[in-house]
């Protein structure tokens, strides 16, 4: 695929993803605008051959598809990955496109130290096609993770907050906010929250804002309430709090930030790529805060079947070669007879 074709496909793909998320936000069913309980949730869209969740915009895209299709399976994989574990995509099923960015050309250019090469280096983008497990026959039944005990969840949340080193004051009255001027988080008293999960969800959202400070992830923190820049920062914090809520098992409650939905819709309509930028920034927030990720046990590959297929293919190639040799020999003999 040429660079111009890739760019055109990327624009169409971004627009399709943004439009689906916009429709779901308008209906109140989008991944980061819908409340959900982690104890009843399937988990983040993941690849069962790697055991890891999808990242960034791909994660939001596949999660939105799960919502739209109302499927009860969070596993997504390519056709090749399905066959490698002994499964089979059903005939007629339609694939969903995701993005894969290869940054190795940029990394190699940086290693060279050549300013000219660095300036010309660009990542390559590919568009793998994946299928949901509901479209595939032969996969083992989905096993949901056992919910962790509440004390363990709270301990994990406390560790993330404590290890961040953020200054937190419980003097916010009935408000929760991050103040860049003093680089501090302000929350209501713990007793003001209806549940421990509610407290941690709010604290982690503000901690997401805290990571944007210049000495940390250095995101643009300009613009007052109601501005586009403010809404973009809120989108990053909301997606990052959703990811943290899933990883830590506290779920997601977006009600405090519902006022930004109209602004987010406008932002995505103006620039569909913004959802991918926000999702990538949210991933960096989660990584910066070292929020632990649950890794699933990867599905084993069916080595015996693959070996059998390879052996059969080799036998077929040998037979074809023998047939071609025999045919050429007969044709030469025939030609010789005709010449004589």
C-alpha atoms as a PDB file:
ATOM      1  CA  UNK A   1       0.000   0.000   0.000  1.00  0.00           C
ATOM      2  CA  UNK A   2       1.507   3.352  -1.076  1.00  0.00           C
ATOM      3  CA  UNK A   3       1.900   6.279   1.316  1.00  0.00           C
ATOM      4  CA  UNK A   4      -0.943   8.198  -0.357  1.00  0.00           C
ATOM      5  CA  UNK A   5      -3.240   5.162  -0.264  1.00  0.00           C
ATOM      6  CA  UNK A   6      -2.371   4.545   3.400  1.00  0.00           C
ATOM      7  CA  UNK A   7      -3.117   8.173   4.247  1.00  0.00           C
ATOM      8  CA  UNK A   8      -6.474   8.013   2.475  1.00  0.00           C
ATOM      9  CA  UNK A   9      -7.393   4.737   4.182  1.00  0.00           C
ATOM     10  CA  UNK A  10      -6.260   6.154   7.535  1.00  0.00           C
ATOM     11  CA  UNK A  11      -8.557   9.153   7.120  1.00  0.00           C
ATOM     12  CA  UNK A  12     -11.542   6.969   6.218  1.00  0.00           C
ATOM     13  CA  UNK A  13     -10.839   4.585   9.082  1.00  0.00           C
ATOM     14  CA  UNK A  14     -10.500   7.471  11.570  1.00  0.00           C
ATOM     15  CA  UNK A  15     -13.769   8.967  10.366  1.00  0.00           C
ATOM     16  CA  UNK A  16     -15.607   5.635  10.683  1.00  0.00           C
ATOM     17  CA  UNK A  17     -14.323   5.082  14.232  1.00  0.00           C
ATOM     18  CA  UNK A  18     -15.127   8.661  15.291  1.00  0.00           C
ATOM     19  CA  UNK A  19     -18.630   8.511  13.823  1.00  0.00           C
ATOM     20  CA  UNK A  20     -19.414   5.290  15.686  1.00  0.00           C
ATOM     21  CA  UNK A  21     -18.161   6.765  18.971  1.00  0.00           C
ATOM     22  CA  UNK A  22     -20.128   9.972  18.339  1.00  0.00           C
ATOM     23  CA  UNK A  23     -23.347   7.989  17.827  1.00  0.00           C
ATOM     24  CA  UNK A  24     -22.736   6.069  21.025  1.00  0.00           C
ATOM     25  CA  UNK A  25     -21.900   9.220  22.980  1.00  0.00           C
ATOM     26  CA  UNK A  26     -25.146  10.779  21.783  1.00  0.00           C
ATOM     27  CA  UNK A  27     -26.977   7.674  22.985  1.00  0.00           C
ATOM     28  CA  UNK A  28     -25.024   7.540  26.247  1.00  0.00           C
ATOM     29  CA  UNK A  29     -23.572   4.111  25.463  1.00  0.00           C
ATOM     30  CA  UNK A  30     -19.959   4.880  24.515  1.00  0.00           C
ATOM     31  CA  UNK A  31     -17.066   3.166  26.348  1.00  0.00           C
ATOM     32  CA  UNK A  32     -16.049   6.214  28.388  1.00  0.00           C
ATOM     33  CA  UNK A  33     -19.476   7.873  28.816  1.00  0.00           C
ATOM     34  CA  UNK A  34     -21.373   4.824  30.077  1.00  0.00           C
ATOM     35  CA  UNK A  35     -21.213   3.753  33.746  1.00  0.00           C
ATOM     36  CA  UNK A  36     -20.218   0.138  34.268  1.00  0.00           C
ATOM     37  CA  UNK A  37     -19.366  -2.174  37.127  1.00  0.00           C
ATOM     38  CA  UNK A  38     -15.999  -3.909  36.784  1.00  0.00           C
ATOM     39  CA  UNK A  39     -17.374  -6.981  38.591  1.00  0.00           C
ATOM     40  CA  UNK A  40     -19.909  -7.520  35.779  1.00  0.00           C
ATOM     41  CA  UNK A  41     -17.656  -6.432  32.917  1.00  0.00           C
ATOM     42  CA  UNK A  42     -16.064  -8.661  30.273  1.00  0.00           C
ATOM     43  CA  UNK A  43     -12.809  -6.754  30.426  1.00  0.00           C
ATOM     44  CA  UNK A  44     -10.942  -4.707  27.844  1.00  0.00           C
ATOM     45  CA  UNK A  45     -10.849  -5.928  24.231  1.00  0.00           C
ATOM     46  CA  UNK A  46      -7.895  -8.316  24.107  1.00  0.00           C
ATOM     47  CA  UNK A  47      -6.012 -10.641  21.793  1.00  0.00           C
ATOM     48  CA  UNK A  48      -6.169 -14.225  23.131  1.00  0.00           C
ATOM     49  CA  UNK A  49      -3.000 -15.236  21.250  1.00  0.00           C
ATOM     50  CA  UNK A  50      -0.907 -12.647  23.123  1.00  0.00           C
ATOM     51  CA  UNK A  51      -2.967 -12.419  26.304  1.00  0.00           C
ATOM     52  CA  UNK A  52      -2.789  -8.630  26.230  1.00  0.00           C
ATOM     53  CA  UNK A  53      -5.368  -5.907  25.802  1.00  0.00           C
ATOM     54  CA  UNK A  54      -5.458  -3.769  22.684  1.00  0.00           C
ATOM     55  CA  UNK A  55      -4.101  -0.243  22.997  1.00  0.00           C
ATOM     56  CA  UNK A  56      -5.152   3.320  22.301  1.00  0.00           C
ATOM     57  CA  UNK A  57      -7.679   4.012  19.594  1.00  0.00           C
ATOM     58  CA  UNK A  58      -7.883   0.317  18.687  1.00  0.00           C
ATOM     59  CA  UNK A  59      -9.118  -0.458  22.180  1.00  0.00           C
ATOM     60  CA  UNK A  60     -11.860   2.198  22.041  1.00  0.00           C
ATOM     61  CA  UNK A  61     -12.803   1.135  18.508  1.00  0.00           C
ATOM     62  CA  UNK A  62     -13.196  -2.549  19.400  1.00  0.00           C
ATOM     63  CA  UNK A  63     -14.954  -1.744  22.674  1.00  0.00           C
ATOM     64  CA  UNK A  64     -17.425   0.420  20.754  1.00  0.00           C
ATOM     65  CA  UNK A  65     -18.030  -2.481  18.362  1.00  0.00           C
ATOM     66  CA  UNK A  66     -18.684  -4.823  21.292  1.00  0.00           C
ATOM     67  CA  UNK A  67     -21.296  -2.346  22.525  1.00  0.00           C
ATOM     68  CA  UNK A  68     -22.844  -1.919  19.063  1.00  0.00           C
ATOM     69  CA  UNK A  69     -23.039  -5.670  18.410  1.00  0.00           C
ATOM     70  CA  UNK A  70     -23.955  -6.497  22.021  1.00  0.00           C
ATOM     71  CA  UNK A  71     -21.509  -9.415  22.021  1.00  0.00           C
ATOM     72  CA  UNK A  72     -20.510 -11.137  25.235  1.00  0.00           C
ATOM     73  CA  UNK A  73     -16.905 -11.806  24.276  1.00  0.00           C
ATOM     74  CA  UNK A  74     -13.932  -9.405  24.380  1.00  0.00           C
ATOM     75  CA  UNK A  75     -11.544 -11.535  22.307  1.00  0.00           C
ATOM     76  CA  UNK A  76     -10.387 -10.247  18.894  1.00  0.00           C
ATOM     77  CA  UNK A  77      -7.869 -11.870  16.563  1.00  0.00           C
ATOM     78  CA  UNK A  78      -6.783 -12.101  12.921  1.00  0.00           C
ATOM     79  CA  UNK A  79      -7.777 -14.949  10.613  1.00  0.00           C
ATOM     80  CA  UNK A  80      -4.223 -16.310  10.739  1.00  0.00           C
ATOM     81  CA  UNK A  81      -4.137 -16.195  14.546  1.00  0.00           C
ATOM     82  CA  UNK A  82      -7.446 -18.065  14.706  1.00  0.00           C
ATOM     83  CA  UNK A  83      -6.224 -20.885  12.473  1.00  0.00           C
ATOM     84  CA  UNK A  84      -2.966 -21.097  14.430  1.00  0.00           C
ATOM     85  CA  UNK A  85      -4.903 -22.100  17.573  1.00  0.00           C
ATOM     86  CA  UNK A  86      -7.104 -24.578  15.732  1.00  0.00           C
ATOM     87  CA  UNK A  87     -10.115 -22.265  15.289  1.00  0.00           C
ATOM     88  CA  UNK A  88     -11.879 -21.109  12.127  1.00  0.00           C
ATOM     89  CA  UNK A  89     -13.561 -17.838  11.142  1.00  0.00           C
ATOM     90  CA  UNK A  90     -17.052 -18.651   9.874  1.00  0.00           C
ATOM     91  CA  UNK A  91     -17.674 -18.184   6.176  1.00  0.00           C
ATOM     92  CA  UNK A  92     -19.179 -14.803   5.311  1.00  0.00           C
ATOM     93  CA  UNK A  93     -18.117 -13.046   8.528  1.00  0.00           C
ATOM     94  CA  UNK A  94     -16.929  -9.459   8.059  1.00  0.00           C
ATOM     95  CA  UNK A  95     -13.606  -8.351   9.544  1.00  0.00           C
ATOM     96  CA  UNK A  96     -13.031  -5.154  11.540  1.00  0.00           C
ATOM     97  CA  UNK A  97     -10.019  -2.982  10.712  1.00  0.00           C
ATOM     98  CA  UNK A  98      -7.522  -1.807  13.330  1.00  0.00           C
ATOM     99  CA  UNK A  99      -4.279   0.179  13.065  1.00  0.00           C
ATOM    100  CA  UNK A 100      -0.758  -1.063  13.657  1.00  0.00           C
ATOM    101  CA  UNK A 101       2.085   1.472  13.687  1.00  0.00           C
ATOM    102  CA  UNK A 102       5.641   0.330  13.080  1.00  0.00           C
ATOM    103  CA  UNK A 103       8.023   2.879  14.620  1.00  0.00           C
ATOM    104  CA  UNK A 104      11.214   0.934  13.865  1.00  0.00           C
ATOM    105  CA  UNK A 105      12.235   3.245  10.944  1.00  0.00           C
ATOM    106  CA  UNK A 106      12.161   6.214  13.338  1.00  0.00           C
ATOM    107  CA  UNK A 107      14.038   4.316  16.055  1.00  0.00           C
ATOM    108  CA  UNK A 108      16.713   3.167  13.606  1.00  0.00           C
ATOM    109  CA  UNK A 109      17.164   6.713  12.322  1.00  0.00           C
ATOM    110  CA  UNK A 110      17.603   8.015  15.877  1.00  0.00           C
ATOM    111  CA  UNK A 111      20.247   5.361  16.552  1.00  0.00           C
ATOM    112  CA  UNK A 112      22.213   6.545  13.517  1.00  0.00           C
ATOM    113  CA  UNK A 113      22.434  10.058  14.898  1.00  0.00           C
ATOM    114  CA  UNK A 114      22.152  11.450  11.371  1.00  0.00           C
ATOM    115  CA  UNK A 115      19.918  14.578  11.446  1.00  0.00           C
ATOM    116  CA  UNK A 116      19.026  14.095   7.782  1.00  0.00           C
ATOM    117  CA  UNK A 117      17.843  10.516   8.304  1.00  0.00           C
ATOM    118  CA  UNK A 118      15.976  11.470  11.462  1.00  0.00           C
ATOM    119  CA  UNK A 119      14.139  14.259   9.631  1.00  0.00           C
ATOM    120  CA  UNK A 120      13.068  11.917   6.823  1.00  0.00           C
ATOM    121  CA  UNK A 121      12.110   8.934   9.021  1.00  0.00           C
ATOM    122  CA  UNK A 122       8.413   8.189   9.432  1.00  0.00           C
ATOM    123  CA  UNK A 123       6.504   5.336  11.034  1.00  0.00           C
ATOM    124  CA  UNK A 124       4.720   2.843   8.803  1.00  0.00           C
ATOM    125  CA  UNK A 125       1.053   2.120   9.326  1.00  0.00           C
ATOM    126  CA  UNK A 126      -0.642  -1.191   8.596  1.00  0.00           C
ATOM    127  CA  UNK A 127      -4.304  -2.113   8.836  1.00  0.00           C
ATOM    128  CA  UNK A 128      -4.793  -5.648  10.214  1.00  0.00           C
ATOM    129  CA  UNK A 129      -8.279  -7.150  10.013  1.00  0.00           C
ATOM    130  CA  UNK A 130      -9.585  -8.822  13.140  1.00  0.00           C
ATOM    131  CA  UNK A 131     -12.629 -10.889  14.074  1.00  0.00           C
ATOM    132  CA  UNK A 132     -14.494 -11.098  17.354  1.00  0.00           C
ATOM    133  CA  UNK A 133     -14.618 -14.514  19.034  1.00  0.00           C
ATOM    134  CA  UNK A 134     -18.381 -14.579  18.342  1.00  0.00           C
ATOM    135  CA  UNK A 135     -17.469 -14.838  14.630  1.00  0.00           C
ATOM    136  CA  UNK A 136     -15.101 -17.769  15.148  1.00  0.00           C
ATOM    137  CA  UNK A 137     -15.766 -21.480  15.654  1.00  0.00           C
ATOM    138  CA  UNK A 138     -13.490 -23.732  17.661  1.00  0.00           C
ATOM    139  CA  UNK A 139     -12.290 -21.300  20.349  1.00  0.00           C
ATOM    140  CA  UNK A 140     -12.449 -22.416  23.979  1.00  0.00           C
ATOM    141  CA  UNK A 141     -15.214 -20.892  26.079  1.00  0.00           C
ATOM    142  CA  UNK A 142     -14.459 -17.447  27.472  1.00  0.00           C
ATOM    143  CA  UNK A 143     -13.477 -17.627  31.120  1.00  0.00           C
ATOM    144  CA  UNK A 144     -14.051 -14.427  33.073  1.00  0.00           C
ATOM    145  CA  UNK A 145     -11.513 -13.466  35.706  1.00  0.00           C
ATOM    146  CA  UNK A 146     -12.624 -13.965  39.286  1.00  0.00           C
ATOM    147  CA  UNK A 147     -13.380 -10.564  40.884  1.00  0.00           C
ATOM    148  CA  UNK A 148     -10.766  -9.538  43.408  1.00  0.00           C
ATOM    149  CA  UNK A 149     -11.742  -9.000  47.061  1.00  0.00           C
ATOM    150  CA  UNK A 150     -12.626  -5.400  47.909  1.00  0.00           C
ATOM    151  CA  UNK A 151      -9.687  -4.942  50.350  1.00  0.00           C
ATOM    152  CA  UNK A 152      -7.265  -6.047  47.625  1.00  0.00           C
ATOM    153  CA  UNK A 153      -8.792  -3.573  45.139  1.00  0.00           C
ATOM    154  CA  UNK A 154      -8.535  -0.707  47.613  1.00  0.00           C
ATOM    155  CA  UNK A 155      -4.951  -1.631  48.438  1.00  0.00           C
ATOM    156  CA  UNK A 156      -4.029  -1.562  44.734  1.00  0.00           C
ATOM    157  CA  UNK A 157      -5.668   1.856  44.290  1.00  0.00           C
ATOM    158  CA  UNK A 158      -3.922   3.261  47.353  1.00  0.00           C
ATOM    159  CA  UNK A 159      -0.581   2.027  46.018  1.00  0.00           C
ATOM    160  CA  UNK A 160      -1.028   3.807  42.682  1.00  0.00           C
ATOM    161  CA  UNK A 161      -1.946   7.051  44.426  1.00  0.00           C
ATOM    162  CA  UNK A 162       0.836   6.768  47.010  1.00  0.00           C
ATOM    163  CA  UNK A 163       3.548   5.799  44.523  1.00  0.00           C
ATOM    164  CA  UNK A 164       2.677   8.749  42.286  1.00  0.00           C
ATOM    165  CA  UNK A 165       3.911  11.192  44.915  1.00  0.00           C
ATOM    166  CA  UNK A 166       1.069  13.600  44.092  1.00  0.00           C
ATOM    167  CA  UNK A 167       0.088  16.176  46.712  1.00  0.00           C
ATOM    168  CA  UNK A 168      -3.582  15.551  47.601  1.00  0.00           C
ATOM    169  CA  UNK A 169      -5.677  17.742  49.886  1.00  0.00           C
ATOM    170  CA  UNK A 170      -9.131  16.681  51.088  1.00  0.00           C
ATOM    171  CA  UNK A 171     -10.383  20.250  51.228  1.00  0.00           C
ATOM    172  CA  UNK A 172     -12.367  20.520  47.993  1.00  0.00           C
ATOM    173  CA  UNK A 173     -15.748  20.791  49.698  1.00  0.00           C
ATOM    174  CA  UNK A 174     -18.118  19.203  47.171  1.00  0.00           C
ATOM    175  CA  UNK A 175     -15.679  19.619  44.285  1.00  0.00           C
ATOM    176  CA  UNK A 176     -12.744  17.619  42.933  1.00  0.00           C
ATOM    177  CA  UNK A 177     -10.081  19.307  40.810  1.00  0.00           C
ATOM    178  CA  UNK A 178      -6.403  19.543  39.937  1.00  0.00           C
ATOM    179  CA  UNK A 179      -4.769  22.977  40.282  1.00  0.00           C
ATOM    180  CA  UNK A 180      -1.757  23.362  37.924  1.00  0.00           C
ATOM    181  CA  UNK A 181      -0.650  26.596  39.610  1.00  0.00           C
ATOM    182  CA  UNK A 182       0.126  24.756  42.845  1.00  0.00           C
ATOM    183  CA  UNK A 183       0.509  21.317  41.247  1.00  0.00           C
ATOM    184  CA  UNK A 184      -1.929  19.850  43.738  1.00  0.00           C
ATOM    185  CA  UNK A 185      -5.106  17.743  43.752  1.00  0.00           C
ATOM    186  CA  UNK A 186      -8.103  18.794  45.830  1.00  0.00           C
ATOM    187  CA  UNK A 187     -10.849  16.324  46.799  1.00  0.00           C
ATOM    188  CA  UNK A 188     -13.850  16.225  49.140  1.00  0.00           C
ATOM    189  CA  UNK A 189     -13.425  14.296  52.368  1.00  0.00           C
ATOM    190  CA  UNK A 190     -13.521  10.525  51.903  1.00  0.00           C
ATOM    191  CA  UNK A 191     -16.733  10.314  53.926  1.00  0.00           C
ATOM    192  CA  UNK A 192     -18.497  12.470  51.320  1.00  0.00           C
ATOM    193  CA  UNK A 193     -18.331   9.664  48.749  1.00  0.00           C
ATOM    194  CA  UNK A 194     -21.009   6.980  48.561  1.00  0.00           C
ATOM    195  CA  UNK A 195     -18.431   4.216  48.130  1.00  0.00           C
ATOM    196  CA  UNK A 196     -14.716   3.533  48.192  1.00  0.00           C
ATOM    197  CA  UNK A 197     -14.827   2.861  44.447  1.00  0.00           C
ATOM    198  CA  UNK A 198     -16.404   6.290  43.908  1.00  0.00           C
ATOM    199  CA  UNK A 199     -13.617   7.940  45.855  1.00  0.00           C
ATOM    200  CA  UNK A 200     -10.850   6.130  43.988  1.00  0.00           C
ATOM    201  CA  UNK A 201     -12.453   6.756  40.590  1.00  0.00           C
ATOM    202  CA  UNK A 202     -12.518  10.495  41.304  1.00  0.00           C
ATOM    203  CA  UNK A 203      -8.994  10.536  42.733  1.00  0.00           C
ATOM    204  CA  UNK A 204      -7.602   8.659  39.733  1.00  0.00           C
ATOM    205  CA  UNK A 205      -9.351  11.001  37.287  1.00  0.00           C
ATOM    206  CA  UNK A 206      -7.667  13.992  38.918  1.00  0.00           C
ATOM    207  CA  UNK A 207      -4.408  12.064  39.059  1.00  0.00           C
ATOM    208  CA  UNK A 208      -4.735  11.732  35.295  1.00  0.00           C
ATOM    209  CA  UNK A 209      -4.765  15.536  35.031  1.00  0.00           C
ATOM    210  CA  UNK A 210      -1.793  15.687  37.423  1.00  0.00           C
ATOM    211  CA  UNK A 211       0.356  13.686  34.980  1.00  0.00           C
ATOM    212  CA  UNK A 212       0.039  16.480  32.392  1.00  0.00           C
ATOM    213  CA  UNK A 213       2.292  18.859  34.383  1.00  0.00           C
ATOM    214  CA  UNK A 214       5.398  20.082  32.417  1.00  0.00           C
ATOM    215  CA  UNK A 215       7.843  18.083  34.558  1.00  0.00           C
ATOM    216  CA  UNK A 216       5.864  14.895  33.890  1.00  0.00           C
ATOM    217  CA  UNK A 217       4.040  14.155  30.593  1.00  0.00           C
ATOM    218  CA  UNK A 218       3.891  17.833  29.607  1.00  0.00           C
ATOM    219  CA  UNK A 219       0.446  18.036  28.003  1.00  0.00           C
ATOM    220  CA  UNK A 220      -1.101  21.406  27.036  1.00  0.00           C
ATOM    221  CA  UNK A 221      -2.971  22.537  30.160  1.00  0.00           C
ATOM    222  CA  UNK A 222      -4.107  25.898  28.836  1.00  0.00           C
ATOM    223  CA  UNK A 223      -7.650  27.108  28.297  1.00  0.00           C
ATOM    224  CA  UNK A 224     -10.473  27.680  30.751  1.00  0.00           C
ATOM    225  CA  UNK A 225     -13.672  25.741  31.305  1.00  0.00           C
ATOM    226  CA  UNK A 226     -15.672  25.489  28.077  1.00  0.00           C
ATOM    227  CA  UNK A 227     -12.658  25.908  25.792  1.00  0.00           C
ATOM    228  CA  UNK A 228     -11.572  23.275  23.264  1.00  0.00           C
ATOM    229  CA  UNK A 229      -8.199  22.756  24.965  1.00  0.00           C
ATOM    230  CA  UNK A 230      -9.938  22.194  28.297  1.00  0.00           C
ATOM    231  CA  UNK A 231     -12.279  19.636  26.712  1.00  0.00           C
ATOM    232  CA  UNK A 232      -9.353  17.804  25.076  1.00  0.00           C
ATOM    233  CA  UNK A 233      -7.582  17.501  28.426  1.00  0.00           C
ATOM    234  CA  UNK A 234     -10.802  16.235  30.027  1.00  0.00           C
ATOM    235  CA  UNK A 235     -11.090  13.615  27.305  1.00  0.00           C
ATOM    236  CA  UNK A 236      -7.585  12.331  28.077  1.00  0.00           C
ATOM    237  CA  UNK A 237      -8.349  12.218  31.805  1.00  0.00           C
ATOM    238  CA  UNK A 238     -11.687  10.464  31.247  1.00  0.00           C
ATOM    239  CA  UNK A 239     -10.244   7.765  28.989  1.00  0.00           C
ATOM    240  CA  UNK A 240      -7.276   7.237  31.325  1.00  0.00           C
ATOM    241  CA  UNK A 241      -9.584   6.925  34.361  1.00  0.00           C
ATOM    242  CA  UNK A 242     -11.641   4.378  32.400  1.00  0.00           C
ATOM    243  CA  UNK A 243      -8.507   2.330  31.676  1.00  0.00           C
ATOM    244  CA  UNK A 244      -7.356   2.558  35.289  1.00  0.00           C
ATOM    245  CA  UNK A 245     -10.828   1.640  36.537  1.00  0.00           C
ATOM    246  CA  UNK A 246     -10.773  -1.505  34.417  1.00  0.00           C
ATOM    247  CA  UNK A 247      -7.269  -2.526  35.450  1.00  0.00           C
ATOM    248  CA  UNK A 248      -7.855  -1.876  39.148  1.00  0.00           C
ATOM    249  CA  UNK A 249     -11.361  -3.349  39.262  1.00  0.00           C
ATOM    250  CA  UNK A 250     -13.308  -0.267  40.411  1.00  0.00           C
ATOM    251  CA  UNK A 251     -15.360   0.225  37.254  1.00  0.00           C
ATOM    252  CA  UNK A 252     -16.190   3.583  35.732  1.00  0.00           C
ATOM    253  CA  UNK A 253     -18.579   6.373  36.680  1.00  0.00           C
ATOM    254  CA  UNK A 254     -18.542   9.264  34.177  1.00  0.00           C
ATOM    255  CA  UNK A 255     -21.452  11.224  35.675  1.00  0.00           C
ATOM    256  CA  UNK A 256     -19.222  13.963  37.103  1.00  0.00           C
ATOM    257  CA  UNK A 257     -17.838  14.704  33.637  1.00  0.00           C
ATOM    258  CA  UNK A 258     -20.965  14.312  31.499  1.00  0.00           C
ATOM    259  CA  UNK A 259     -20.946  18.061  30.850  1.00  0.00           C
ATOM    260  CA  UNK A 260     -18.078  17.610  28.381  1.00  0.00           C
ATOM    261  CA  UNK A 261     -19.823  15.143  26.045  1.00  0.00           C
ATOM    262  CA  UNK A 262     -21.101  17.831  23.645  1.00  0.00           C
ATOM    263  CA  UNK A 263     -17.611  19.336  23.465  1.00  0.00           C
ATOM    264  CA  UNK A 264     -16.065  15.929  22.786  1.00  0.00           C
ATOM    265  CA  UNK A 265     -18.546  15.282  19.983  1.00  0.00           C
ATOM    266  CA  UNK A 266     -17.654  18.622  18.375  1.00  0.00           C
ATOM    267  CA  UNK A 267     -13.932  17.892  18.688  1.00  0.00           C
ATOM    268  CA  UNK A 268     -14.281  14.501  16.992  1.00  0.00           C
ATOM    269  CA  UNK A 269     -16.441  15.901  14.209  1.00  0.00           C
ATOM    270  CA  UNK A 270     -13.841  18.600  13.521  1.00  0.00           C
ATOM    271  CA  UNK A 271     -10.908  16.155  13.670  1.00  0.00           C
ATOM    272  CA  UNK A 272     -11.611  12.387  13.827  1.00  0.00           C
ATOM    273  CA  UNK A 273      -7.944  11.651  14.623  1.00  0.00           C
ATOM    274  CA  UNK A 274      -8.331  13.389  17.980  1.00  0.00           C
ATOM    275  CA  UNK A 275      -9.816  10.257  19.542  1.00  0.00           C
ATOM    276  CA  UNK A 276      -6.655   8.333  18.640  1.00  0.00           C
ATOM    277  CA  UNK A 277      -4.448  11.092  20.069  1.00  0.00           C
ATOM    278  CA  UNK A 278      -6.476  11.195  23.281  1.00  0.00           C
ATOM    279  CA  UNK A 279      -6.407   7.411  23.612  1.00  0.00           C
ATOM    280  CA  UNK A 280      -2.620   7.331  23.069  1.00  0.00           C
ATOM    281  CA  UNK A 281      -2.167  10.080  25.661  1.00  0.00           C
ATOM    282  CA  UNK A 282      -4.377   8.145  28.088  1.00  0.00           C
ATOM    283  CA  UNK A 283      -2.214   5.043  27.626  1.00  0.00           C
ATOM    284  CA  UNK A 284       0.845   7.129  28.517  1.00  0.00           C
ATOM    285  CA  UNK A 285      -0.944   8.286  31.685  1.00  0.00           C
ATOM    286  CA  UNK A 286      -1.593   4.693  32.752  1.00  0.00           C
ATOM    287  CA  UNK A 287       2.004   3.695  32.004  1.00  0.00           C
ATOM    288  CA  UNK A 288       3.395   6.725  33.837  1.00  0.00           C
ATOM    289  CA  UNK A 289       1.363   5.851  36.946  1.00  0.00           C
ATOM    290  CA  UNK A 290       2.466   2.200  36.681  1.00  0.00           C
ATOM    291  CA  UNK A 291      -1.082   0.868  36.947  1.00  0.00           C
ATOM    292  CA  UNK A 292      -0.719  -2.936  36.826  1.00  0.00           C
ATOM    293  CA  UNK A 293      -2.159  -4.727  33.803  1.00  0.00           C
ATOM    294  CA  UNK A 294      -3.914  -8.072  33.985  1.00  0.00           C
ATOM    295  CA  UNK A 295      -2.369 -10.374  31.358  1.00  0.00           C
ATOM    296  CA  UNK A 296      -4.450 -13.354  30.217  1.00  0.00           C
ATOM    297  CA  UNK A 297      -3.013 -16.786  29.578  1.00  0.00           C
ATOM    298  CA  UNK A 298      -2.366 -16.939  25.799  1.00  0.00           C
ATOM    299  CA  UNK A 299      -4.095 -19.671  23.812  1.00  0.00           C
ATOM    300  CA  UNK A 300      -1.651 -22.436  22.830  1.00  0.00           C
ATOM    301  CA  UNK A 301      -0.882 -22.894  19.154  1.00  0.00           C
ATOM    302  CA  UNK A 302      -1.844 -26.195  17.579  1.00  0.00           C
ATOM    303  CA  UNK A 303       1.678 -27.258  16.619  1.00  0.00           C
ATOM    304  CA  UNK A 304       0.731 -30.802  15.590  1.00  0.00           C
ATOM    305  CA  UNK A 305      -1.904 -29.654  13.141  1.00  0.00           C
ATOM    306  CA  UNK A 306       0.391 -27.005  11.739  1.00  0.00           C
ATOM    307  CA  UNK A 307       3.176 -29.593  11.273  1.00  0.00           C
ATOM    308  CA  UNK A 308       0.758 -31.956   9.533  1.00  0.00           C
ATOM    309  CA  UNK A 309      -0.365 -29.219   7.178  1.00  0.00           C
ATOM    310  CA  UNK A 310       3.251 -28.346   6.394  1.00  0.00           C
ATOM    311  CA  UNK A 311       4.142 -32.002   5.779  1.00  0.00           C
ATOM    312  CA  UNK A 312       1.147 -32.455   3.507  1.00  0.00           C
ATOM    313  CA  UNK A 313       2.110 -29.319   1.622  1.00  0.00           C
ATOM    314  CA  UNK A 314       5.636 -30.672   1.122  1.00  0.00           C
ATOM    315  CA  UNK A 315       4.277 -33.978  -0.190  1.00  0.00           C
ATOM    316  CA  UNK A 316       1.982 -32.092  -2.547  1.00  0.00           C
ATOM    317  CA  UNK A 317       4.906 -30.013  -3.845  1.00  0.00           C
ATOM    318  CA  UNK A 318       6.945 -33.189  -4.425  1.00  0.00           C
ATOM    319  CA  UNK A 319       4.074 -34.794  -6.331  1.00  0.00           C
ATOM    320  CA  UNK A 320       3.608 -31.675  -8.465  1.00  0.00           C
ATOM    321  CA  UNK A 321       7.324 -31.534  -9.232  1.00  0.00           C
ATOM    322  CA  UNK A 322       7.343 -35.199 -10.211  1.00  0.00           C
ATOM    323  CA  UNK A 323       4.281 -34.661 -12.420  1.00  0.00           C
ATOM    324  CA  UNK A 324       5.836 -31.617 -14.134  1.00  0.00           C
ATOM    325  CA  UNK A 325       9.087 -33.534 -14.778  1.00  0.00           C
ATOM    326  CA  UNK A 326       7.200 -36.494 -16.180  1.00  0.00           C
ATOM    327  CA  UNK A 327       5.079 -34.254 -18.417  1.00  0.00           C
ATOM    328  CA  UNK A 328       8.124 -32.420 -19.804  1.00  0.00           C
ATOM    329  CA  UNK A 329       9.811 -35.780 -20.497  1.00  0.00           C
ATOM    330  CA  UNK A 330       6.781 -37.053 -22.447  1.00  0.00           C
ATOM    331  CA  UNK A 331       6.525 -33.813 -24.419  1.00  0.00           C
ATOM    332  CA  UNK A 332      10.202 -33.968 -25.421  1.00  0.00           C
ATOM    333  CA  UNK A 333       9.835 -37.583 -26.476  1.00  0.00           C
ATOM    334  CA  UNK A 334       6.776 -36.672 -28.547  1.00  0.00           C
ATOM    335  CA  UNK A 335       8.630 -33.768 -30.202  1.00  0.00           C
ATOM    336  CA  UNK A 336      11.551 -36.061 -31.061  1.00  0.00           C
ATOM    337  CA  UNK A 337       9.200 -38.610 -32.612  1.00  0.00           C
ATOM    338  CA  UNK A 338       7.525 -35.922 -34.723  1.00  0.00           C
ATOM    339  CA  UNK A 339      10.888 -34.511 -35.950  1.00  0.00           C
ATOM    340  CA  UNK A 340      12.139 -37.950 -36.959  1.00  0.00           C
END
